[in-house]
Protein backbone atom coordinates (compact mmCIF):
# COMPACT_ATOMS: atom_id res chain seq x y z
CA MET A 1 -2.55 7.91 -6.11
CA ILE A 2 -3.97 8.87 -2.70
CA GLU A 3 -1.24 10.40 -0.52
CA LEU A 4 -1.10 8.85 2.94
CA SER A 5 -0.85 10.89 6.11
CA ALA A 6 1.51 9.94 8.92
CA GLU A 7 -1.47 8.44 10.76
CA ALA A 8 -2.43 6.22 7.81
CA ARG A 9 1.16 5.09 7.33
CA PHE A 10 1.32 4.23 11.03
CA LEU A 11 -1.82 2.10 10.66
CA VAL A 12 -0.48 0.29 7.58
CA ALA A 13 2.69 -0.58 9.49
CA GLU A 14 0.53 -2.39 12.07
CA ARG A 15 -0.84 -4.64 9.28
CA PRO A 16 -4.40 -4.18 10.56
CA VAL A 17 -6.33 -5.26 7.47
CA PHE A 18 -8.45 -8.42 7.51
CA ASP A 19 -9.79 -8.87 3.98
CA ALA A 20 -12.70 -11.31 4.19
CA HIS A 21 -12.79 -12.30 0.53
CA VAL A 22 -10.22 -12.64 -2.27
CA ASP A 23 -10.22 -15.01 -5.27
CA SER A 24 -6.51 -15.14 -6.10
CA LEU A 25 -6.03 -18.91 -5.75
CA GLN A 26 -7.44 -19.44 -9.24
CA ARG A 27 -4.53 -17.49 -10.71
CA MET A 28 -2.05 -19.74 -8.94
CA LEU A 29 -3.79 -22.99 -9.91
CA ASP A 30 -4.80 -22.14 -13.49
CA LEU A 31 -2.05 -19.74 -14.58
CA GLY A 32 0.91 -20.77 -12.45
CA HIS A 33 1.23 -17.37 -10.77
CA ASP A 34 3.26 -17.56 -7.56
CA LEU A 35 1.21 -15.52 -5.10
CA GLY A 36 4.23 -15.30 -2.83
CA GLU A 37 5.96 -13.04 -5.35
CA ARG A 38 4.97 -9.73 -6.94
CA GLY A 39 2.96 -10.44 -10.08
CA PRO A 40 -0.11 -9.61 -12.16
CA GLY A 41 -3.69 -9.55 -10.95
CA GLN A 42 -4.84 -7.68 -7.86
CA LEU A 43 -3.31 -9.53 -4.91
CA ASP A 44 -0.09 -11.25 -3.99
CA VAL A 45 1.77 -11.51 -0.69
CA VAL A 46 4.29 -8.80 -1.58
CA ARG A 47 1.69 -6.16 -2.41
CA ALA A 48 -0.42 -7.32 0.53
CA GLY A 49 2.46 -6.51 2.85
CA GLU A 50 2.84 -3.07 1.31
CA GLY A 51 -0.85 -2.41 1.88
CA GLY A 52 -0.98 -3.50 5.52
CA LEU A 53 -2.80 -6.81 5.03
CA GLY A 54 -2.49 -8.97 8.13
CA ALA A 55 -5.14 -11.61 7.43
CA VAL A 56 -6.99 -12.73 4.33
CA VAL A 57 -9.62 -15.28 3.40
CA LEU A 58 -8.27 -17.12 0.34
CA VAL A 59 -11.43 -18.27 -1.37
CA CYS A 60 -11.87 -21.44 -3.40
CA TRP A 61 -14.49 -20.34 -5.93
CA VAL A 62 -15.92 -23.12 -8.06
CA ASP A 63 -17.51 -22.27 -11.39
CA PRO A 64 -20.97 -23.91 -11.47
CA GLY A 65 -19.86 -25.46 -14.77
CA TYR A 66 -18.09 -28.08 -12.63
CA LEU A 67 -21.48 -29.35 -11.48
CA PRO A 68 -22.93 -31.92 -11.09
CA ASP A 69 -19.95 -34.08 -10.09
CA GLY A 70 -16.78 -31.99 -10.31
CA ALA A 71 -17.34 -29.17 -7.81
CA PHE A 72 -15.83 -30.97 -4.82
CA ASP A 73 -12.69 -31.91 -6.73
CA ARG A 74 -12.23 -28.38 -8.08
CA ALA A 75 -12.58 -26.88 -4.59
CA ALA A 76 -10.17 -29.49 -3.22
CA ALA A 77 -7.60 -28.58 -5.88
CA LEU A 78 -7.87 -24.90 -5.02
CA LEU A 79 -7.59 -25.68 -1.31
CA SER A 80 -4.43 -27.69 -2.02
CA THR A 81 -3.09 -24.61 -3.82
CA ALA A 82 -3.48 -22.60 -0.60
CA HIS A 83 -1.40 -25.23 1.22
CA GLU A 84 1.18 -25.12 -1.57
CA LEU A 85 1.47 -21.34 -1.19
CA ALA A 86 2.12 -21.63 2.55
CA GLU A 87 4.60 -24.48 2.08
CA ARG A 88 6.49 -22.58 -0.65
CA HIS A 89 6.73 -19.34 1.36
CA PRO A 90 6.73 -20.22 5.09
CA GLY A 91 8.41 -16.93 5.98
CA LYS A 92 5.72 -14.89 4.21
CA VAL A 93 2.36 -16.64 4.62
CA ARG A 94 0.83 -19.15 7.04
CA LEU A 95 -2.50 -20.96 6.99
CA VAL A 96 -4.36 -20.34 10.26
CA ARG A 97 -7.28 -22.15 11.84
CA ASP A 98 -8.35 -19.85 14.69
CA GLY A 99 -7.87 -16.48 16.31
CA ALA A 100 -4.86 -17.57 18.34
CA GLU A 101 -3.03 -18.78 15.24
CA LEU A 102 -3.95 -15.56 13.43
CA ALA A 103 -2.51 -13.46 16.24
CA ALA A 104 0.65 -15.58 16.29
CA ALA A 105 1.11 -15.16 12.53
CA ARG A 106 0.82 -11.40 12.84
CA ALA A 107 3.31 -11.37 15.73
CA ASP A 108 5.74 -13.36 13.57
CA GLY A 109 5.34 -10.92 10.68
CA VAL A 110 3.71 -13.35 8.25
CA LEU A 111 0.38 -13.09 6.45
CA ALA A 112 -2.39 -15.11 8.11
CA ALA A 113 -4.24 -16.95 5.33
CA ILE A 114 -7.65 -18.46 6.04
CA PRO A 115 -8.97 -21.03 3.54
CA GLY A 116 -12.52 -20.36 2.40
CA ILE A 117 -15.02 -21.72 -0.09
CA GLU A 118 -17.39 -19.58 -2.14
CA GLY A 119 -20.52 -21.55 -2.95
CA GLY A 120 -22.01 -24.45 -1.01
CA HIS A 121 -22.25 -26.45 -4.23
CA ALA A 122 -18.63 -27.43 -3.49
CA ILE A 123 -19.81 -29.82 -0.76
CA GLU A 124 -22.16 -31.54 -3.23
CA GLU A 125 -24.95 -31.91 -0.66
CA SER A 126 -22.72 -33.89 1.70
CA LEU A 127 -21.91 -33.01 5.30
CA GLU A 128 -19.13 -35.59 5.13
CA ARG A 129 -17.48 -33.52 2.39
CA LEU A 130 -17.86 -30.42 4.54
CA HIS A 131 -15.97 -32.32 7.25
CA ARG A 132 -13.22 -33.22 4.79
CA PHE A 133 -12.78 -29.59 3.81
CA HIS A 134 -12.69 -28.59 7.47
CA ALA A 135 -9.96 -31.15 8.16
CA ARG A 136 -7.91 -29.48 5.39
CA GLY A 137 -8.30 -26.07 7.01
CA LEU A 138 -11.60 -24.65 5.76
CA ARG A 139 -12.77 -21.93 8.14
CA VAL A 140 -15.14 -19.76 6.05
CA MET A 141 -17.84 -20.85 3.60
CA THR A 142 -20.14 -18.66 1.51
CA LEU A 143 -23.34 -20.73 1.57
CA VAL A 144 -24.33 -19.96 -2.02
CA TRP A 145 -22.97 -18.19 -5.09
CA ASN A 146 -25.19 -16.82 -7.88
CA ASN A 147 -26.42 -20.31 -8.79
CA HIS A 148 -29.36 -21.60 -6.76
CA LEU A 149 -28.94 -24.91 -4.94
CA PRO A 150 -31.50 -27.53 -3.92
CA TRP A 151 -31.02 -26.38 -0.33
CA ILE A 152 -30.64 -22.59 -0.64
CA ARG A 153 -31.75 -19.76 -2.94
CA SER A 154 -29.27 -17.12 -4.08
CA CYS A 155 -29.90 -13.39 -4.53
CA GLN A 156 -30.52 -13.87 -8.26
CA VAL A 157 -33.95 -14.22 -9.89
CA CYS A 158 -35.29 -17.77 -9.55
CA THR A 159 -38.09 -19.33 -11.62
CA ASP A 160 -37.39 -22.94 -10.56
CA GLU A 161 -40.21 -23.99 -8.24
CA THR A 162 -38.11 -26.83 -6.83
CA ILE A 163 -35.72 -24.36 -5.21
CA PRO A 164 -36.70 -23.41 -1.64
CA ALA A 165 -37.61 -19.81 -0.92
CA GLY A 166 -34.79 -19.70 1.60
CA LEU A 167 -32.99 -22.53 3.41
CA SER A 168 -34.25 -26.11 3.26
CA ALA A 169 -34.01 -28.47 6.23
CA PHE A 170 -30.67 -29.67 4.86
CA GLY A 171 -29.53 -26.05 4.55
CA ARG A 172 -30.21 -25.55 8.22
CA GLU A 173 -28.20 -28.70 8.95
CA VAL A 174 -25.30 -27.20 7.00
CA VAL A 175 -25.40 -24.03 9.10
CA ALA A 176 -25.64 -26.01 12.35
CA GLU A 177 -22.71 -28.22 11.35
CA MET A 178 -20.60 -25.22 10.36
CA ASN A 179 -21.32 -23.77 13.80
CA ARG A 180 -20.27 -27.02 15.46
CA LEU A 181 -17.08 -27.32 13.41
CA GLY A 182 -16.12 -23.67 13.80
CA VAL A 183 -16.54 -22.59 10.18
CA VAL A 184 -17.71 -19.00 9.64
CA VAL A 185 -21.06 -18.75 7.82
CA ASP A 186 -20.86 -16.21 4.99
CA LEU A 187 -24.15 -14.83 3.63
CA SER A 188 -22.98 -12.72 0.68
CA HIS A 189 -24.83 -13.89 -2.47
CA ALA A 190 -27.70 -15.30 -0.40
CA GLY A 191 -31.29 -14.33 -1.20
CA GLU A 192 -33.09 -12.26 1.44
CA ARG A 193 -35.16 -15.17 2.73
CA SER A 194 -32.04 -17.37 2.78
CA PHE A 195 -30.19 -14.63 4.68
CA PHE A 196 -32.81 -14.42 7.42
CA ASP A 197 -33.30 -18.19 7.57
CA ALA A 198 -29.56 -18.61 8.14
CA LEU A 199 -29.60 -16.03 10.93
CA GLU A 200 -32.44 -17.97 12.53
CA ALA A 201 -30.50 -21.22 12.21
CA THR A 202 -27.10 -20.06 13.42
CA SER A 203 -25.85 -20.03 16.99
CA ARG A 204 -22.71 -18.06 16.08
CA PRO A 205 -22.07 -14.66 14.49
CA VAL A 206 -22.01 -14.63 10.68
CA ILE A 207 -20.52 -12.39 8.02
CA ALA A 208 -21.55 -11.04 4.65
CA SER A 209 -17.99 -11.07 3.34
CA HIS A 210 -18.26 -8.89 0.22
CA SER A 211 -21.43 -6.84 -0.14
CA GLY A 212 -22.54 -3.23 -0.41
CA CYS A 213 -25.54 -1.23 0.82
CA ARG A 214 -28.74 -1.46 -1.21
CA ALA A 215 -29.90 1.92 0.08
CA LEU A 216 -27.09 3.46 -1.98
CA HIS A 217 -27.32 1.19 -5.02
CA ASP A 218 -30.27 -1.14 -5.63
CA HIS A 219 -28.26 -4.18 -6.70
CA PRO A 220 -29.27 -7.73 -5.72
CA ARG A 221 -25.79 -8.37 -4.29
CA ASN A 222 -26.20 -5.57 -1.77
CA LEU A 223 -27.82 -5.69 1.68
CA THR A 224 -30.94 -3.82 2.74
CA ASP A 225 -30.96 -1.76 5.92
CA ASP A 226 -33.06 -4.49 7.56
CA GLN A 227 -30.36 -7.02 6.71
CA LEU A 228 -27.68 -4.73 8.13
CA ARG A 229 -29.65 -4.36 11.37
CA ALA A 230 -30.15 -8.12 11.59
CA LEU A 231 -26.43 -8.65 11.06
CA ARG A 232 -25.80 -6.22 13.92
CA ASP A 233 -28.21 -8.07 16.20
CA ASN A 234 -26.43 -11.34 15.38
CA GLY A 235 -23.05 -9.81 16.28
CA GLY A 236 -21.86 -10.26 12.70
CA VAL A 237 -20.00 -8.08 10.21
CA VAL A 238 -20.52 -6.92 6.63
CA GLY A 239 -17.39 -6.63 4.50
CA ILE A 240 -17.82 -3.74 2.07
CA VAL A 241 -16.92 -4.91 -1.42
CA PHE A 242 -14.64 -2.95 -3.79
CA HIS A 243 -16.60 -3.80 -6.96
CA PRO A 244 -17.58 -0.50 -8.65
CA GLY A 245 -20.61 -2.14 -10.24
CA PHE A 246 -21.98 -3.02 -6.79
CA LEU A 247 -21.22 0.42 -5.37
CA CYS A 248 -22.65 2.72 -8.04
CA ALA A 249 -25.29 2.49 -10.79
CA GLU A 250 -23.29 4.77 -13.09
CA ALA A 251 -20.18 2.62 -12.66
CA ARG A 252 -22.20 -0.48 -13.44
CA ALA A 253 -23.48 1.11 -16.64
CA GLU A 254 -19.94 2.15 -17.59
CA GLU A 255 -18.70 -1.41 -17.15
CA GLU A 256 -21.54 -2.75 -19.27
CA ARG A 257 -20.60 -0.26 -21.97
CA VAL A 258 -17.03 -1.57 -22.11
CA ARG A 259 -18.16 -5.20 -22.00
CA ALA A 260 -20.34 -4.57 -25.04
CA SER A 261 -17.40 -3.23 -27.07
CA ALA A 262 -15.86 -5.19 -29.91
CA GLU A 263 -12.45 -5.01 -28.22
CA TYR A 264 -13.71 -6.61 -25.03
CA ARG A 265 -15.81 -9.25 -26.80
CA SER A 266 -12.86 -10.29 -28.98
CA LEU A 267 -10.62 -11.16 -26.02
CA THR A 268 -9.55 -14.78 -25.61
CA GLY A 269 -7.58 -16.84 -23.10
CA ALA A 270 -6.14 -20.31 -22.64
CA ASN A 271 -8.73 -20.92 -19.90
CA GLN A 272 -11.43 -18.98 -18.09
CA THR A 273 -9.01 -17.52 -15.55
CA ALA A 274 -6.70 -16.26 -18.31
CA LEU A 275 -9.66 -14.74 -20.13
CA SER A 276 -10.87 -13.05 -16.95
CA LEU A 277 -7.44 -11.52 -16.42
CA ALA A 278 -7.39 -10.16 -19.98
CA GLN A 279 -10.91 -8.80 -19.54
CA SER A 280 -9.89 -7.11 -16.29
CA GLU A 281 -6.97 -5.37 -17.98
CA CYS A 282 -9.26 -4.14 -20.76
CA LEU A 283 -11.91 -2.88 -18.35
CA ARG A 284 -9.40 -1.03 -16.20
CA ALA A 285 -7.94 0.63 -19.30
CA ARG A 286 -11.24 1.56 -20.97
CA ALA A 287 -13.79 2.26 -18.21
CA LYS A 288 -14.11 5.58 -16.46
CA PRO A 289 -12.71 5.14 -12.91
CA LEU A 290 -15.00 5.22 -9.91
CA ALA A 291 -13.88 7.56 -7.14
CA ALA A 292 -12.98 5.71 -3.94
CA SER A 293 -15.20 8.16 -2.07
CA ARG A 294 -18.16 6.09 -3.26
CA LEU A 295 -16.85 3.09 -1.33
CA ILE A 296 -16.47 5.30 1.74
CA GLU A 297 -20.14 6.28 1.39
CA HIS A 298 -21.07 2.59 1.66
CA VAL A 299 -18.87 2.20 4.74
CA VAL A 300 -20.43 5.27 6.36
CA HIS A 301 -23.97 4.10 5.62
CA ALA A 302 -23.28 0.61 6.97
CA VAL A 303 -21.81 2.12 10.14
CA GLU A 304 -24.82 4.41 10.55
CA ILE A 305 -27.24 1.48 10.28
CA ALA A 306 -25.33 -1.43 11.85
CA GLY A 307 -22.79 0.33 14.07
CA ILE A 308 -19.02 0.69 14.02
CA GLU A 309 -18.45 -2.84 15.39
CA HIS A 310 -20.21 -4.51 12.47
CA VAL A 311 -18.50 -3.19 9.33
CA GLY A 312 -15.34 -4.49 7.69
CA VAL A 313 -13.59 -5.08 4.38
CA GLY A 314 -14.19 -7.71 1.68
CA SER A 315 -12.45 -6.48 -1.46
CA ASP A 316 -13.20 -9.46 -3.74
CA PHE A 317 -9.78 -8.87 -5.34
CA ASP A 318 -9.16 -11.16 -8.33
CA GLY A 319 -12.88 -11.91 -8.34
CA ILE A 320 -13.69 -8.40 -9.57
CA GLN A 321 -12.37 -6.85 -12.75
CA ARG A 322 -11.34 -3.54 -11.21
CA GLY A 323 -11.41 -1.60 -7.96
CA PRO A 324 -12.19 2.08 -7.31
CA ALA A 325 -9.52 4.65 -8.17
CA GLY A 326 -6.78 4.45 -5.54
CA LEU A 327 -7.86 0.97 -4.43
CA GLU A 328 -6.80 -0.96 -7.51
CA ASP A 329 -4.85 -3.74 -5.79
CA ALA A 330 -3.66 -5.10 -2.44
CA SER A 331 -0.88 -2.55 -2.11
CA ARG A 332 -3.52 0.19 -1.69
CA TYR A 333 -5.38 -0.73 1.51
CA GLY A 334 -3.60 2.24 3.06
CA SER A 335 -5.69 4.49 0.80
CA LEU A 336 -8.80 3.13 2.50
CA ALA A 337 -7.28 3.94 5.90
CA GLU A 338 -6.49 7.46 4.73
CA LEU A 339 -9.99 8.07 3.36
CA LEU A 340 -11.63 6.79 6.55
CA LEU A 341 -9.46 9.11 8.64
CA ARG A 342 -10.33 12.05 6.36
CA GLU A 343 -14.00 11.15 6.77
CA GLY A 344 -13.64 11.67 10.52
CA PHE A 345 -13.19 8.10 11.74
CA SER A 346 -10.88 7.88 14.75
CA MET A 347 -7.78 5.68 14.68
CA ASP A 348 -9.62 3.03 16.73
CA GLU A 349 -12.69 3.16 14.50
CA THR A 350 -10.52 2.88 11.41
CA ARG A 351 -8.77 -0.19 12.85
CA ARG A 352 -12.17 -1.76 13.51
CA VAL A 353 -13.32 -1.30 9.93
CA LEU A 354 -10.01 -2.33 8.40
CA GLY A 355 -9.93 -5.62 10.24
CA ALA A 356 -10.60 -5.82 13.98
CA ASN A 357 -14.32 -6.48 13.53
CA MET A 358 -13.78 -9.37 11.11
CA GLU A 359 -11.01 -10.74 13.33
CA ARG A 360 -13.40 -10.73 16.29
CA VAL A 361 -15.98 -12.84 14.47
CA PHE A 362 -13.34 -15.22 13.12
CA ALA A 363 -11.86 -15.73 16.59
CA GLU A 364 -15.26 -16.26 18.22
CA VAL A 365 -16.57 -18.73 15.64
CA THR A 366 -13.38 -20.80 15.37
CA SER A 367 -12.87 -21.05 19.12
CA PRO A 368 -14.18 -24.39 20.50
CA ALA A 369 -15.92 -22.52 23.30
CA GLY A 370 -17.38 -19.95 20.95
CA LYS A 371 -15.23 -17.25 22.51
CA PRO A 372 -12.00 -15.60 21.33
């Protein structure tokens, strides 16, 4: 447990955190967990309040196994779950569509929840389906997950010659239409060429919601310094991910060691989400913890390269199997505030990293005039 100073506790009380990426909706849909109450996993509204979370992107992640004709329906079901959460707990959480609604939710003391989609395969190559998601509240979309699409290449190795090197013409249409609708373009998981093509195509700031720095760990999910500089020039923000395997080579090797164990490989679950939860519990119990200072190193490097206005938080809670020591779940965002303050960040700089930078981009993109 990281002890919080009076300054960190003061920050937490302001609920300054804007977490740009969490995957908790699957637990509610597949396992019946009520995210409005304290429960298992890494994030619920109760623990979020304890940690100072003011706004969160609730991601609808669709397993590529739902392709070719079930991805839209799966994303729609997850999106409906976000609405169900807000309807069940109106005094705790509210779906918001723009910066003004986010600010109003914070003033009313409720969590501002922003529906997102992780993986453009959910729109099934249809702008009309993108429109339908937008009408239901979609305001952030990660263009691609780890599976390549006919219109965009991911950061993973690709041997399929039919996949474009970056964005296809349709991919550029998707970006342009997201700009027009006021949906934030998220470039985490995108290949380098796709990343730069999207920056060329966009007229609004973008985010990389949950990524680390490749200069510190050469992982395909992390951003190079050139990408960080380009994000800065675009006015965008990188959300530093909490995944130990993305932050540190040794942590990645330790996780692979546990995953290769007989105990881990023998785990079962009623569905994939139940299995993932069991696997997370095993990994947290058996893997050597990663010090949270490693995450701070990624924040510091991103700030050095991109600038203090272009770095934020994207935990990937409930999409990762564990967080660094002291940042295990949503009740612990205050530990991040404390560590940033100890690193020498001012109160204002800490607020920027915790959420103000992400909130700026969200407000600008979702505003009809392109301004907060």
